[in-house]
Amino acid sequence: SGFRGSTRSPPQKPSVPLGDPPRTPPLAPVLQLLRNQLQEKDALIRHLENDWERSRAQREREERLLVTAWYNMGLALQQQEGGTPSRGLPSGAQSFLAQQRLATVARRARTPQGRAPSS
């Protein structure tokens, strides 16, 4: 043909005899291996999601405890400073707003009329 001095060589014989198919692994074990890997990864994802959910719930419980502690600490401080006796009700029986109103009334009663409290 058009190549310099080359003659066409005879076609080479395949390295595998014609009766044997090429050496490829059977598909069933490969698919089973991939399915197993997928199941393991799905199990890991479920485990991590459960861990995340437990961590979130724990964080929310801790936040509620902190808010409750701050509220109780502020309430105790307010009761120490106010010194106003409750009107026959235990302090826990009054709402937060009711306690604020009582503290405001008590503070206004202590200041002289017509004068603003000094800051």
N, C-alpha and C. Protein backbone atom coordinates (compact mmCIF):
# COMPACT_ATOMS: atom_id res chain seq x y z
N SER A 1 0.83 -1.17 0.00
CA SER A 1 0.00 0.00 0.00
C SER A 1 0.87 1.22 0.00
N GLY A 2 0.52 2.27 0.65
CA GLY A 2 1.22 3.53 0.57
C GLY A 2 2.38 3.67 1.52
N PHE A 3 2.73 2.67 2.31
CA PHE A 3 3.84 2.78 3.26
C PHE A 3 5.13 2.39 2.58
N ARG A 4 6.24 3.05 2.96
CA ARG A 4 7.54 2.77 2.34
C ARG A 4 8.03 1.38 2.67
N GLY A 5 8.17 0.60 1.73
CA GLY A 5 8.80 -0.69 1.84
C GLY A 5 8.12 -1.65 2.79
N SER A 6 6.95 -1.34 3.22
CA SER A 6 6.31 -2.27 4.15
C SER A 6 5.44 -3.23 3.39
N THR A 7 5.50 -4.38 3.85
CA THR A 7 4.60 -5.36 3.27
C THR A 7 3.60 -5.71 4.35
N ARG A 8 2.53 -6.13 3.93
CA ARG A 8 1.48 -6.44 4.88
C ARG A 8 1.80 -7.75 5.59
N SER A 9 1.80 -7.65 6.96
CA SER A 9 2.10 -8.86 7.71
C SER A 9 0.82 -9.66 7.89
N PRO A 10 0.97 -10.96 8.05
CA PRO A 10 -0.24 -11.76 8.23
C PRO A 10 -0.88 -11.45 9.59
N PRO A 11 -2.18 -11.56 9.71
CA PRO A 11 -2.84 -11.25 10.98
C PRO A 11 -2.32 -12.19 12.08
N GLN A 12 -2.14 -11.57 13.24
CA GLN A 12 -1.62 -12.35 14.37
C GLN A 12 -2.74 -13.14 15.00
N LYS A 13 -2.35 -14.27 15.56
CA LYS A 13 -3.33 -15.12 16.23
C LYS A 13 -3.61 -14.53 17.61
N PRO A 14 -4.84 -14.58 18.08
CA PRO A 14 -5.12 -14.12 19.44
C PRO A 14 -4.39 -15.00 20.44
N SER A 15 -4.02 -14.38 21.59
CA SER A 15 -3.27 -15.10 22.61
C SER A 15 -4.13 -16.16 23.30
N VAL A 16 -5.43 -15.96 23.31
CA VAL A 16 -6.35 -16.91 23.93
C VAL A 16 -6.90 -17.80 22.81
N PRO A 17 -6.91 -19.08 23.06
CA PRO A 17 -7.47 -19.95 22.01
C PRO A 17 -8.90 -19.57 21.69
N LEU A 18 -9.32 -19.81 20.48
CA LEU A 18 -10.62 -19.35 20.01
C LEU A 18 -11.79 -19.98 20.78
N GLY A 19 -11.65 -21.12 21.31
CA GLY A 19 -12.74 -21.78 22.00
C GLY A 19 -13.02 -21.18 23.38
N ASP A 20 -12.03 -20.52 24.03
CA ASP A 20 -12.21 -19.97 25.38
C ASP A 20 -12.62 -18.50 25.31
N PRO A 21 -13.61 -18.09 26.09
CA PRO A 21 -13.95 -16.66 26.13
C PRO A 21 -12.84 -15.89 26.85
N PRO A 22 -12.77 -14.57 26.66
CA PRO A 22 -11.74 -13.78 27.36
C PRO A 22 -11.90 -13.92 28.86
N ARG A 23 -10.80 -13.73 29.60
CA ARG A 23 -10.82 -13.92 31.06
C ARG A 23 -11.40 -12.68 31.74
N THR A 24 -12.68 -12.69 31.99
CA THR A 24 -13.34 -11.63 32.76
C THR A 24 -14.02 -12.32 33.93
N PRO A 25 -14.01 -11.66 35.09
CA PRO A 25 -14.67 -12.30 36.23
C PRO A 25 -16.16 -12.41 35.97
N PRO A 26 -16.76 -13.44 36.49
CA PRO A 26 -18.22 -13.56 36.32
C PRO A 26 -18.91 -12.36 36.96
N LEU A 27 -20.01 -11.94 36.39
CA LEU A 27 -20.70 -10.74 36.86
C LEU A 27 -21.38 -10.92 38.21
N ALA A 28 -21.89 -12.06 38.52
CA ALA A 28 -22.65 -12.26 39.76
C ALA A 28 -21.82 -11.97 41.01
N PRO A 29 -20.59 -12.46 41.15
CA PRO A 29 -19.82 -12.13 42.37
C PRO A 29 -19.48 -10.65 42.46
N VAL A 30 -19.22 -10.01 41.33
CA VAL A 30 -18.90 -8.58 41.34
C VAL A 30 -20.13 -7.78 41.78
N LEU A 31 -21.28 -8.14 41.23
CA LEU A 31 -22.51 -7.44 41.65
C LEU A 31 -22.80 -7.67 43.13
N GLN A 32 -22.58 -8.88 43.60
CA GLN A 32 -22.83 -9.17 45.01
C GLN A 32 -21.89 -8.36 45.90
N LEU A 33 -20.64 -8.24 45.49
CA LEU A 33 -19.66 -7.44 46.24
C LEU A 33 -20.10 -5.98 46.30
N LEU A 34 -20.54 -5.44 45.17
CA LEU A 34 -21.00 -4.05 45.14
C LEU A 34 -22.25 -3.86 45.99
N ARG A 35 -23.16 -4.83 45.95
CA ARG A 35 -24.37 -4.73 46.79
C ARG A 35 -23.99 -4.75 48.28
N ASN A 36 -23.06 -5.61 48.65
CA ASN A 36 -22.61 -5.66 50.04
C ASN A 36 -21.99 -4.33 50.48
N GLN A 37 -21.17 -3.76 49.60
CA GLN A 37 -20.55 -2.47 49.93
C GLN A 37 -21.62 -1.39 50.09
N LEU A 38 -22.61 -1.41 49.22
CA LEU A 38 -23.70 -0.44 49.30
C LEU A 38 -24.48 -0.60 50.61
N GLN A 39 -24.76 -1.84 51.00
CA GLN A 39 -25.48 -2.08 52.25
C GLN A 39 -24.66 -1.61 53.45
N GLU A 40 -23.34 -1.84 53.41
CA GLU A 40 -22.49 -1.38 54.52
C GLU A 40 -22.50 0.14 54.60
N LYS A 41 -22.44 0.81 53.47
CA LYS A 41 -22.45 2.28 53.47
C LYS A 41 -23.80 2.80 53.93
N ASP A 42 -24.89 2.14 53.53
CA ASP A 42 -26.21 2.55 54.00
C ASP A 42 -26.33 2.38 55.52
N ALA A 43 -25.79 1.29 56.03
CA ALA A 43 -25.82 1.07 57.48
C ALA A 43 -25.01 2.14 58.20
N LEU A 44 -23.85 2.50 57.64
CA LEU A 44 -23.03 3.55 58.24
C LEU A 44 -23.77 4.89 58.23
N ILE A 45 -24.43 5.20 57.13
CA ILE A 45 -25.19 6.46 57.04
C ILE A 45 -26.31 6.48 58.08
N ARG A 46 -27.04 5.37 58.22
CA ARG A 46 -28.11 5.31 59.23
C ARG A 46 -27.54 5.50 60.63
N HIS A 47 -26.40 4.86 60.89
CA HIS A 47 -25.76 4.99 62.21
C HIS A 47 -25.36 6.44 62.47
N LEU A 48 -24.77 7.10 61.48
CA LEU A 48 -24.36 8.49 61.65
C LEU A 48 -25.56 9.42 61.82
N GLU A 49 -26.64 9.14 61.09
CA GLU A 49 -27.85 9.95 61.25
C GLU A 49 -28.43 9.79 62.65
N ASN A 50 -28.43 8.56 63.17
CA ASN A 50 -28.93 8.33 64.53
C ASN A 50 -28.06 9.05 65.56
N ASP A 51 -26.73 8.99 65.37
CA ASP A 51 -25.82 9.72 66.27
C ASP A 51 -26.10 11.21 66.23
N TRP A 52 -26.31 11.74 65.03
CA TRP A 52 -26.57 13.18 64.90
C TRP A 52 -27.87 13.54 65.61
N GLU A 53 -28.89 12.71 65.45
CA GLU A 53 -30.18 12.99 66.10
C GLU A 53 -30.04 12.96 67.62
N ARG A 54 -29.30 11.99 68.15
CA ARG A 54 -29.08 11.93 69.60
C ARG A 54 -28.31 13.15 70.08
N SER A 55 -27.31 13.57 69.31
CA SER A 55 -26.53 14.76 69.70
C SER A 55 -27.41 16.01 69.70
N ARG A 56 -28.27 16.13 68.70
CA ARG A 56 -29.16 17.29 68.61
C ARG A 56 -30.11 17.31 69.81
N ALA A 57 -30.69 16.17 70.14
CA ALA A 57 -31.62 16.09 71.27
C ALA A 57 -30.89 16.43 72.58
N GLN A 58 -29.68 15.93 72.74
CA GLN A 58 -28.89 16.23 73.94
C GLN A 58 -28.60 17.74 74.03
N ARG A 59 -28.22 18.34 72.90
CA ARG A 59 -27.93 19.78 72.88
C ARG A 59 -29.17 20.59 73.25
N GLU A 60 -30.34 20.18 72.74
CA GLU A 60 -31.58 20.89 73.08
C GLU A 60 -31.90 20.76 74.57
N ARG A 61 -31.68 19.57 75.14
CA ARG A 61 -31.92 19.39 76.59
C ARG A 61 -30.98 20.29 77.39
N GLU A 62 -29.72 20.35 76.98
CA GLU A 62 -28.76 21.20 77.70
C GLU A 62 -29.15 22.67 77.60
N GLU A 63 -29.61 23.10 76.42
CA GLU A 63 -30.03 24.50 76.26
C GLU A 63 -31.22 24.81 77.17
N ARG A 64 -32.19 23.87 77.24
CA ARG A 64 -33.35 24.11 78.12
C ARG A 64 -32.91 24.19 79.58
N LEU A 65 -31.98 23.32 79.98
CA LEU A 65 -31.48 23.37 81.36
C LEU A 65 -30.78 24.69 81.65
N LEU A 66 -29.99 25.17 80.70
CA LEU A 66 -29.31 26.46 80.90
C LEU A 66 -30.31 27.60 81.03
N VAL A 67 -31.31 27.62 80.16
CA VAL A 67 -32.32 28.68 80.23
C VAL A 67 -33.05 28.63 81.57
N THR A 68 -33.41 27.43 82.00
CA THR A 68 -34.10 27.28 83.28
C THR A 68 -33.21 27.75 84.43
N ALA A 69 -31.93 27.39 84.39
CA ALA A 69 -31.03 27.80 85.46
C ALA A 69 -30.89 29.32 85.50
N TRP A 70 -30.75 29.95 84.33
CA TRP A 70 -30.64 31.42 84.30
C TRP A 70 -31.92 32.06 84.83
N TYR A 71 -33.06 31.52 84.43
CA TYR A 71 -34.33 32.07 84.90
C TYR A 71 -34.43 31.95 86.41
N ASN A 72 -34.13 30.76 86.94
CA ASN A 72 -34.22 30.56 88.38
C ASN A 72 -33.23 31.45 89.14
N MET A 73 -32.03 31.61 88.59
CA MET A 73 -31.04 32.46 89.24
C MET A 73 -31.50 33.92 89.25
N GLY A 74 -32.04 34.37 88.12
CA GLY A 74 -32.56 35.74 88.06
C GLY A 74 -33.73 35.95 88.99
N LEU A 75 -34.59 34.95 89.08
CA LEU A 75 -35.75 35.05 89.97
C LEU A 75 -35.31 35.10 91.43
N ALA A 76 -34.33 34.28 91.79
CA ALA A 76 -33.83 34.29 93.17
C ALA A 76 -33.17 35.63 93.48
N LEU A 77 -32.42 36.17 92.56
CA LEU A 77 -31.78 37.47 92.76
C LEU A 77 -32.82 38.56 92.91
N GLN A 78 -33.85 38.49 92.07
CA GLN A 78 -34.91 39.49 92.13
C GLN A 78 -35.64 39.42 93.48
N GLN A 79 -35.87 38.23 93.97
CA GLN A 79 -36.56 38.09 95.25
C GLN A 79 -35.68 38.58 96.40
N GLN A 80 -34.37 38.38 96.29
CA GLN A 80 -33.46 38.88 97.33
C GLN A 80 -33.43 40.40 97.34
N GLU A 81 -33.38 41.00 96.16
CA GLU A 81 -33.30 42.46 96.08
C GLU A 81 -34.62 43.12 96.42
N GLY A 82 -35.72 42.52 95.94
CA GLY A 82 -37.03 43.13 96.14
C GLY A 82 -37.46 43.12 97.59
N GLY A 83 -37.30 42.04 98.25
CA GLY A 83 -37.70 41.93 99.65
C GLY A 83 -39.19 42.08 99.85
N THR A 84 -39.97 41.98 98.79
CA THR A 84 -41.41 42.12 98.94
C THR A 84 -42.00 40.75 99.23
N PRO A 85 -42.74 40.62 100.29
CA PRO A 85 -43.36 39.32 100.57
C PRO A 85 -44.47 39.06 99.56
N SER A 86 -44.63 37.83 99.18
CA SER A 86 -45.71 37.49 98.25
C SER A 86 -47.03 37.56 99.01
N ARG A 87 -48.09 37.77 98.32
CA ARG A 87 -49.39 37.98 98.94
C ARG A 87 -50.07 36.65 99.20
N GLY A 88 -49.48 35.86 100.09
CA GLY A 88 -50.11 34.61 100.48
C GLY A 88 -49.88 33.48 99.48
N LEU A 89 -49.23 33.77 98.37
CA LEU A 89 -48.99 32.73 97.38
C LEU A 89 -47.51 32.41 97.37
N PRO A 90 -47.14 31.18 97.19
CA PRO A 90 -45.72 30.88 97.04
C PRO A 90 -45.21 31.52 95.75
N SER A 91 -43.93 31.88 95.73
CA SER A 91 -43.40 32.63 94.60
C SER A 91 -43.56 31.88 93.29
N GLY A 92 -43.56 30.57 93.31
CA GLY A 92 -43.71 29.81 92.08
C GLY A 92 -45.12 29.85 91.52
N ALA A 93 -46.11 30.24 92.33
CA ALA A 93 -47.49 30.25 91.88
C ALA A 93 -47.81 31.48 91.07
N GLN A 94 -46.95 32.51 91.12
CA GLN A 94 -47.20 33.73 90.35
C GLN A 94 -46.47 33.64 89.02
N SER A 95 -47.05 34.25 88.03
CA SER A 95 -46.39 34.27 86.74
C SER A 95 -45.23 35.26 86.77
N PHE A 96 -44.36 35.14 85.81
CA PHE A 96 -43.20 36.03 85.72
C PHE A 96 -43.66 37.48 85.59
N LEU A 97 -44.67 37.73 84.76
CA LEU A 97 -45.15 39.10 84.57
C LEU A 97 -45.78 39.65 85.85
N ALA A 98 -46.49 38.81 86.59
CA ALA A 98 -47.08 39.26 87.85
C ALA A 98 -45.98 39.66 88.83
N GLN A 99 -44.92 38.89 88.88
CA GLN A 99 -43.80 39.24 89.76
C GLN A 99 -43.13 40.54 89.32
N GLN A 100 -43.03 40.76 88.01
CA GLN A 100 -42.44 42.01 87.51
C GLN A 100 -43.32 43.20 87.89
N ARG A 101 -44.63 43.02 87.78
CA ARG A 101 -45.54 44.12 88.15
C ARG A 101 -45.42 44.45 89.63
N LEU A 102 -45.35 43.42 90.47
CA LEU A 102 -45.21 43.66 91.91
C LEU A 102 -43.90 44.38 92.22
N ALA A 103 -42.83 43.99 91.56
CA ALA A 103 -41.54 44.64 91.80
C ALA A 103 -41.59 46.10 91.37
N THR A 104 -42.26 46.39 90.25
CA THR A 104 -42.38 47.78 89.78
C THR A 104 -43.21 48.61 90.75
N VAL A 105 -44.31 48.06 91.22
CA VAL A 105 -45.16 48.78 92.18
C VAL A 105 -44.37 49.06 93.47
N ALA A 106 -43.63 48.08 93.94
CA ALA A 106 -42.85 48.26 95.17
C ALA A 106 -41.77 49.31 94.97
N ARG A 107 -41.14 49.30 93.81
CA ARG A 107 -40.08 50.28 93.54
C ARG A 107 -40.66 51.69 93.46
N ARG A 108 -41.82 51.85 92.85
CA ARG A 108 -42.45 53.17 92.74
C ARG A 108 -42.90 53.66 94.12
N ALA A 109 -43.30 52.73 94.98
CA ALA A 109 -43.76 53.13 96.31
C ALA A 109 -42.59 53.65 97.15
N ARG A 110 -41.39 53.16 96.88
CA ARG A 110 -40.22 53.61 97.65
C ARG A 110 -39.69 54.96 97.20
N THR A 111 -39.90 55.34 95.93
CA THR A 111 -39.35 56.61 95.43
C THR A 111 -40.29 57.74 95.82
N PRO A 112 -39.73 58.91 96.15
CA PRO A 112 -40.58 60.08 96.50
C PRO A 112 -41.42 60.50 95.29
N GLN A 113 -42.61 61.03 95.57
CA GLN A 113 -43.52 61.44 94.49
C GLN A 113 -42.90 62.58 93.70
N GLY A 114 -43.03 62.48 92.36
CA GLY A 114 -42.58 63.58 91.51
C GLY A 114 -41.10 63.52 91.19
N ARG A 115 -40.35 62.65 91.79
CA ARG A 115 -38.90 62.58 91.53
C ARG A 115 -38.60 61.24 90.87
N ALA A 116 -37.80 61.31 89.84
CA ALA A 116 -37.38 60.09 89.18
C ALA A 116 -36.23 59.47 89.95
N PRO A 117 -36.15 58.17 90.01
CA PRO A 117 -35.04 57.55 90.71
C PRO A 117 -33.73 57.86 90.01
N SER A 118 -32.70 58.13 90.77
CA SER A 118 -31.40 58.47 90.17
C SER A 118 -30.74 57.21 89.67
N SER A 119 -30.03 57.33 88.53
CA SER A 119 -29.38 56.16 87.94
C SER A 119 -27.97 56.05 88.40
